[in-house]
Amino acid sequence: MGGTHRNIKAIMKGAGVTTKSDGMCILQRVMGWEGSHLYQFVIGGIAYGDPGMVGEWDAENTRTVTLATLAWGEKSKLLYEYDFGDRWEHELLVEKILPLDEGKRYPVCLTGKRACPPEDCGGIWGYASFLEAIDDPEHPEHEEMVEWVGGAFDPEVFDLDEVNVELQRLTSSEVRRRPR
């Protein structure tokens, strides 16, 4: 994530016909976020934004282009910005292009490292304060933050099985029905 020294990583495999709008839904599942904020992808200096807000800023509609049409090659990068208030910036890297396995359902997460910050924790600085509070039982906001996050939170844990269950719940029809 941009601006942090915490490398949060997930390696995904999926079909290149996915639209950027669907890609946002997939990223939200991997990150454990709800997808309730505005977002945009920036590729080659062109912004592709939330379809509901395209007319309000200079961006292309994420529904109009698939990831495959960008002719990505290995080592291609793009920027994914989510929640403009908290300013989460994620640099995404196409490490390798692999053939799809016959009969396998995509997308699938192959591996990951570290938990994603909780949604609405206040961006990079809020996340740092949140970690400080939950790590210190004597911190004045410790109990409030533990309750807010729903119990124990370990920033070093990535639950691959949970991510893949969420991705399997995300069928093509669910992506199309998602509010935009």
C-alpha atoms as a PDB file:
ATOM      1  CA  MET A   1       0.000   0.000   0.000  1.00  0.00           C
ATOM      2  CA  GLY A   2       1.331   3.376  -0.958  1.00  0.00           C
ATOM      3  CA  GLY A   3       2.800   5.492   1.817  1.00  0.00           C
ATOM      4  CA  THR A   4       3.208   2.615   4.223  1.00  0.00           C
ATOM      5  CA  HIS A   5       6.119   0.420   5.082  1.00  0.00           C
ATOM      6  CA  ARG A   6       3.790  -2.536   5.553  1.00  0.00           C
ATOM      7  CA  ASN A   7       3.801  -4.817   2.562  1.00  0.00           C
ATOM      8  CA  ILE A   8       0.370  -6.388   2.322  1.00  0.00           C
ATOM      9  CA  LYS A   9       0.409  -8.912  -0.451  1.00  0.00           C
ATOM     10  CA  ALA A  10      -2.025 -11.224  -2.201  1.00  0.00           C
ATOM     11  CA  ILE A  11      -1.263 -13.263  -5.303  1.00  0.00           C
ATOM     12  CA  MET A  12      -4.349 -13.794  -7.442  1.00  0.00           C
ATOM     13  CA  LYS A  13      -5.245 -15.811 -10.492  1.00  0.00           C
ATOM     14  CA  GLY A  14      -8.243 -14.872 -12.579  1.00  0.00           C
ATOM     15  CA  ALA A  15      -9.662 -14.478 -16.042  1.00  0.00           C
ATOM     16  CA  GLY A  16      -8.625 -11.342 -17.967  1.00  0.00           C
ATOM     17  CA  VAL A  17     -12.168 -10.696 -19.204  1.00  0.00           C
ATOM     18  CA  THR A  18     -13.073  -9.187 -15.847  1.00  0.00           C
ATOM     19  CA  THR A  19     -14.066  -5.523 -16.023  1.00  0.00           C
ATOM     20  CA  LYS A  20     -12.371  -3.042 -13.731  1.00  0.00           C
ATOM     21  CA  SER A  21     -15.687  -2.619 -11.946  1.00  0.00           C
ATOM     22  CA  ASP A  22     -15.706  -6.377 -11.268  1.00  0.00           C
ATOM     23  CA  GLY A  23     -12.012  -6.096 -10.395  1.00  0.00           C
ATOM     24  CA  MET A  24     -12.937  -3.619  -7.656  1.00  0.00           C
ATOM     25  CA  CYS A  25     -15.390  -6.162  -6.218  1.00  0.00           C
ATOM     26  CA  ILE A  26     -12.693  -8.842  -6.303  1.00  0.00           C
ATOM     27  CA  LEU A  27     -10.153  -6.565  -4.599  1.00  0.00           C
ATOM     28  CA  GLN A  28     -12.694  -5.705  -1.909  1.00  0.00           C
ATOM     29  CA  ARG A  29     -13.181  -9.409  -1.113  1.00  0.00           C
ATOM     30  CA  VAL A  30      -9.443  -9.997  -0.917  1.00  0.00           C
ATOM     31  CA  MET A  31      -8.945  -6.937   1.281  1.00  0.00           C
ATOM     32  CA  GLY A  32     -11.862  -7.779   3.550  1.00  0.00           C
ATOM     33  CA  TRP A  33     -13.475  -4.418   2.868  1.00  0.00           C
ATOM     34  CA  GLU A  34     -17.134  -3.677   2.152  1.00  0.00           C
ATOM     35  CA  GLY A  35     -16.688  -1.665  -1.046  1.00  0.00           C
ATOM     36  CA  SER A  36     -18.739   1.226   0.308  1.00  0.00           C
ATOM     37  CA  HIS A  37     -16.391   4.021  -0.815  1.00  0.00           C
ATOM     38  CA  LEU A  38     -15.421   5.623  -4.106  1.00  0.00           C
ATOM     39  CA  TYR A  39     -12.488   4.138  -5.982  1.00  0.00           C
ATOM     40  CA  GLN A  40     -10.457   4.449  -9.142  1.00  0.00           C
ATOM     41  CA  PHE A  41      -7.804   2.575 -11.067  1.00  0.00           C
ATOM     42  CA  VAL A  42      -5.036   4.593 -12.725  1.00  0.00           C
ATOM     43  CA  ILE A  43      -3.317   2.889 -15.639  1.00  0.00           C
ATOM     44  CA  GLY A  44      -0.923   4.687 -17.942  1.00  0.00           C
ATOM     45  CA  GLY A  45      -2.069   8.036 -16.577  1.00  0.00           C
ATOM     46  CA  ILE A  46      -5.749   7.335 -17.348  1.00  0.00           C
ATOM     47  CA  ALA A  47      -8.189   7.134 -14.431  1.00  0.00           C
ATOM     48  CA  TYR A  48     -11.018   4.591 -14.509  1.00  0.00           C
ATOM     49  CA  GLY A  49     -13.521   5.402 -11.810  1.00  0.00           C
ATOM     50  CA  ASP A  50     -16.597   4.378  -9.935  1.00  0.00           C
ATOM     51  CA  PRO A  51     -19.398   4.283 -12.546  1.00  0.00           C
ATOM     52  CA  GLY A  52     -21.703   6.300 -10.290  1.00  0.00           C
ATOM     53  CA  MET A  53     -19.261   9.206 -10.100  1.00  0.00           C
ATOM     54  CA  VAL A  54     -17.646   9.270 -13.551  1.00  0.00           C
ATOM     55  CA  GLY A  55     -19.504  12.438 -14.597  1.00  0.00           C
ATOM     56  CA  GLU A  56     -18.228  14.310 -11.546  1.00  0.00           C
ATOM     57  CA  TRP A  57     -14.507  13.921 -12.226  1.00  0.00           C
ATOM     58  CA  ASP A  58     -12.248  13.181 -15.173  1.00  0.00           C
ATOM     59  CA  ALA A  59     -12.359   9.397 -15.314  1.00  0.00           C
ATOM     60  CA  GLU A  60     -13.441   6.616 -17.619  1.00  0.00           C
ATOM     61  CA  ASN A  61     -16.219   4.253 -16.513  1.00  0.00           C
ATOM     62  CA  THR A  62     -14.831   1.030 -15.043  1.00  0.00           C
ATOM     63  CA  ARG A  63     -17.640  -0.918 -16.722  1.00  0.00           C
ATOM     64  CA  THR A  64     -16.439  -0.020 -20.215  1.00  0.00           C
ATOM     65  CA  VAL A  65     -13.089  -1.800 -20.324  1.00  0.00           C
ATOM     66  CA  THR A  66     -11.835  -5.234 -19.329  1.00  0.00           C
ATOM     67  CA  LEU A  67      -8.504  -5.860 -17.706  1.00  0.00           C
ATOM     68  CA  ALA A  68      -7.420  -7.942 -20.709  1.00  0.00           C
ATOM     69  CA  THR A  69      -8.015  -5.071 -23.173  1.00  0.00           C
ATOM     70  CA  LEU A  70      -5.239  -3.085 -21.552  1.00  0.00           C
ATOM     71  CA  ALA A  71      -2.765  -5.567 -23.064  1.00  0.00           C
ATOM     72  CA  TRP A  72      -1.015  -6.012 -19.777  1.00  0.00           C
ATOM     73  CA  GLY A  73       2.220  -7.822 -19.829  1.00  0.00           C
ATOM     74  CA  GLU A  74       4.250  -9.272 -17.051  1.00  0.00           C
ATOM     75  CA  LYS A  75       5.614  -6.601 -14.691  1.00  0.00           C
ATOM     76  CA  SER A  76       2.811  -4.173 -15.638  1.00  0.00           C
ATOM     77  CA  LYS A  77       1.671  -1.938 -12.784  1.00  0.00           C
ATOM     78  CA  LEU A  78      -1.495  -0.069 -11.986  1.00  0.00           C
ATOM     79  CA  LEU A  79      -2.666   2.057  -9.098  1.00  0.00           C
ATOM     80  CA  TYR A  80      -5.871   1.265  -7.235  1.00  0.00           C
ATOM     81  CA  GLU A  81      -7.149   4.062  -4.993  1.00  0.00           C
ATOM     82  CA  TYR A  82      -9.942   3.339  -2.532  1.00  0.00           C
ATOM     83  CA  ASP A  83     -11.819   5.521  -0.049  1.00  0.00           C
ATOM     84  CA  PHE A  84     -10.724   8.985  -1.088  1.00  0.00           C
ATOM     85  CA  GLY A  85     -11.247  10.253   2.483  1.00  0.00           C
ATOM     86  CA  ASP A  86      -8.797   7.733   3.956  1.00  0.00           C
ATOM     87  CA  ARG A  87      -6.669   7.760   0.766  1.00  0.00           C
ATOM     88  CA  TRP A  88      -5.737   4.102   0.478  1.00  0.00           C
ATOM     89  CA  GLU A  89      -3.417   3.675  -2.493  1.00  0.00           C
ATOM     90  CA  HIS A  90      -2.494   0.197  -3.675  1.00  0.00           C
ATOM     91  CA  GLU A  91       0.101  -0.521  -6.309  1.00  0.00           C
ATOM     92  CA  LEU A  92      -0.893  -3.667  -8.178  1.00  0.00           C
ATOM     93  CA  LEU A  93       1.707  -5.627 -10.108  1.00  0.00           C
ATOM     94  CA  VAL A  94       1.135  -8.285 -12.761  1.00  0.00           C
ATOM     95  CA  GLU A  95       3.939 -10.613 -11.723  1.00  0.00           C
ATOM     96  CA  LYS A  96       3.245 -13.401 -14.159  1.00  0.00           C
ATOM     97  CA  ILE A  97       0.611 -14.404 -16.683  1.00  0.00           C
ATOM     98  CA  LEU A  98      -0.355 -18.053 -16.290  1.00  0.00           C
ATOM     99  CA  PRO A  99      -2.743 -20.198 -18.315  1.00  0.00           C
ATOM    100  CA  LEU A 100      -6.102 -20.849 -16.693  1.00  0.00           C
ATOM    101  CA  ASP A 101      -6.750 -24.380 -15.463  1.00  0.00           C
ATOM    102  CA  GLU A 102      -9.640 -26.167 -17.179  1.00  0.00           C
ATOM    103  CA  GLY A 103     -12.648 -26.573 -14.890  1.00  0.00           C
ATOM    104  CA  LYS A 104     -11.299 -24.302 -12.151  1.00  0.00           C
ATOM    105  CA  ARG A 105     -13.432 -21.441 -10.865  1.00  0.00           C
ATOM    106  CA  TYR A 106     -11.840 -17.975 -10.883  1.00  0.00           C
ATOM    107  CA  PRO A 107     -10.788 -15.699  -9.339  1.00  0.00           C
ATOM    108  CA  VAL A 108      -8.709 -17.527  -6.756  1.00  0.00           C
ATOM    109  CA  CYS A 109      -6.148 -16.226  -4.289  1.00  0.00           C
ATOM    110  CA  LEU A 110      -2.981 -18.331  -4.366  1.00  0.00           C
ATOM    111  CA  THR A 111      -1.229 -16.815  -1.364  1.00  0.00           C
ATOM    112  CA  GLY A 112      -1.130 -13.717   0.785  1.00  0.00           C
ATOM    113  CA  LYS A 113       0.779 -11.920   3.481  1.00  0.00           C
ATOM    114  CA  ARG A 114      -0.545  -9.740   6.333  1.00  0.00           C
ATOM    115  CA  ALA A 115      -4.054  -8.594   7.155  1.00  0.00           C
ATOM    116  CA  CYS A 116      -5.627  -5.628   5.481  1.00  0.00           C
ATOM    117  CA  PRO A 117      -6.375  -2.627   7.700  1.00  0.00           C
ATOM    118  CA  PRO A 118      -9.985  -2.512   8.887  1.00  0.00           C
ATOM    119  CA  GLU A 119     -12.376  -0.476   6.759  1.00  0.00           C
ATOM    120  CA  ASP A 120     -12.807   3.137   7.923  1.00  0.00           C
ATOM    121  CA  CYS A 121      -9.855   3.087  10.311  1.00  0.00           C
ATOM    122  CA  GLY A 122      -8.676   6.512   9.145  1.00  0.00           C
ATOM    123  CA  GLY A 123      -6.120   5.782   6.435  1.00  0.00           C
ATOM    124  CA  ILE A 124      -2.445   5.118   7.023  1.00  0.00           C
ATOM    125  CA  TRP A 125      -2.221   7.355  10.089  1.00  0.00           C
ATOM    126  CA  GLY A 126      -5.439   6.059  11.616  1.00  0.00           C
ATOM    127  CA  TYR A 127      -4.260   2.486  11.057  1.00  0.00           C
ATOM    128  CA  ALA A 128      -1.004   3.226  12.887  1.00  0.00           C
ATOM    129  CA  SER A 129      -2.977   4.691  15.809  1.00  0.00           C
ATOM    130  CA  PHE A 130      -5.359   1.719  15.740  1.00  0.00           C
ATOM    131  CA  LEU A 131      -2.444  -0.774  15.929  1.00  0.00           C
ATOM    132  CA  GLU A 132      -0.888   1.182  18.780  1.00  0.00           C
ATOM    133  CA  ALA A 133      -4.166   1.102  20.724  1.00  0.00           C
ATOM    134  CA  ILE A 134      -4.903  -2.607  20.267  1.00  0.00           C
ATOM    135  CA  ASP A 135      -1.311  -3.609  21.076  1.00  0.00           C
ATOM    136  CA  ASP A 136      -1.316  -1.815  24.428  1.00  0.00           C
ATOM    137  CA  PRO A 137      -3.939  -2.889  26.995  1.00  0.00           C
ATOM    138  CA  GLU A 138      -3.098   0.288  28.956  1.00  0.00           C
ATOM    139  CA  HIS A 139      -3.834   2.569  25.972  1.00  0.00           C
ATOM    140  CA  PRO A 140      -6.866   4.811  26.678  1.00  0.00           C
ATOM    141  CA  GLU A 141      -8.585   3.636  23.451  1.00  0.00           C
ATOM    142  CA  HIS A 142      -7.644  -0.055  23.727  1.00  0.00           C
ATOM    143  CA  GLU A 143     -11.034  -1.436  24.745  1.00  0.00           C
ATOM    144  CA  GLU A 144     -12.918   0.826  22.342  1.00  0.00           C
ATOM    145  CA  MET A 145     -10.732  -0.227  19.378  1.00  0.00           C
ATOM    146  CA  VAL A 146     -10.903  -3.949  20.224  1.00  0.00           C
ATOM    147  CA  GLU A 147     -14.689  -3.696  20.439  1.00  0.00           C
ATOM    148  CA  TRP A 148     -14.861  -1.635  17.212  1.00  0.00           C
ATOM    149  CA  VAL A 149     -12.836  -4.199  15.240  1.00  0.00           C
ATOM    150  CA  GLY A 150     -14.921  -7.045  16.650  1.00  0.00           C
ATOM    151  CA  GLY A 151     -12.322  -8.713  18.868  1.00  0.00           C
ATOM    152  CA  ALA A 152      -8.736  -9.740  18.363  1.00  0.00           C
ATOM    153  CA  PHE A 153      -6.902  -8.346  15.325  1.00  0.00           C
ATOM    154  CA  ASP A 154      -3.491  -9.604  14.233  1.00  0.00           C
ATOM    155  CA  PRO A 155      -1.960  -7.491  11.454  1.00  0.00           C
ATOM    156  CA  GLU A 156       0.432 -10.331  10.569  1.00  0.00           C
ATOM    157  CA  VAL A 157      -2.300 -12.884   9.750  1.00  0.00           C
ATOM    158  CA  PHE A 158      -3.630 -13.485   6.242  1.00  0.00           C
ATOM    159  CA  ASP A 159      -6.460 -16.031   6.114  1.00  0.00           C
ATOM    160  CA  LEU A 160      -6.171 -17.595   2.652  1.00  0.00           C
ATOM    161  CA  ASP A 161      -9.122 -19.936   3.178  1.00  0.00           C
ATOM    162  CA  GLU A 162     -11.400 -17.075   4.256  1.00  0.00           C
ATOM    163  CA  VAL A 163     -10.381 -14.977   1.237  1.00  0.00           C
ATOM    164  CA  ASN A 164     -11.105 -17.832  -1.167  1.00  0.00           C
ATOM    165  CA  VAL A 165     -14.491 -18.521   0.447  1.00  0.00           C
ATOM    166  CA  GLU A 166     -15.343 -14.846  -0.120  1.00  0.00           C
ATOM    167  CA  LEU A 167     -14.117 -15.017  -3.725  1.00  0.00           C
ATOM    168  CA  GLN A 168     -16.218 -18.110  -4.398  1.00  0.00           C
ATOM    169  CA  ARG A 169     -19.267 -16.256  -3.087  1.00  0.00           C
ATOM    170  CA  LEU A 170     -18.567 -13.596  -5.666  1.00  0.00           C
ATOM    171  CA  THR A 171     -20.178 -15.130  -8.734  1.00  0.00           C
ATOM    172  CA  SER A 172     -20.486 -13.240 -11.987  1.00  0.00           C
ATOM    173  CA  SER A 173     -24.138 -12.525 -11.262  1.00  0.00           C
ATOM    174  CA  GLU A 174     -23.286 -11.086  -7.833  1.00  0.00           C
ATOM    175  CA  VAL A 175     -20.730  -8.787  -9.417  1.00  0.00           C
ATOM    176  CA  ARG A 176     -23.287  -7.569 -11.958  1.00  0.00           C
ATOM    177  CA  ARG A 177     -25.931  -6.981  -9.256  1.00  0.00           C
ATOM    178  CA  ARG A 178     -23.576  -4.989  -7.033  1.00  0.00           C
ATOM    179  CA  PRO A 179     -24.657  -1.325  -6.672  1.00  0.00           C
ATOM    180  CA  ARG A 180     -22.475   0.955  -8.734  1.00  0.00           C
END
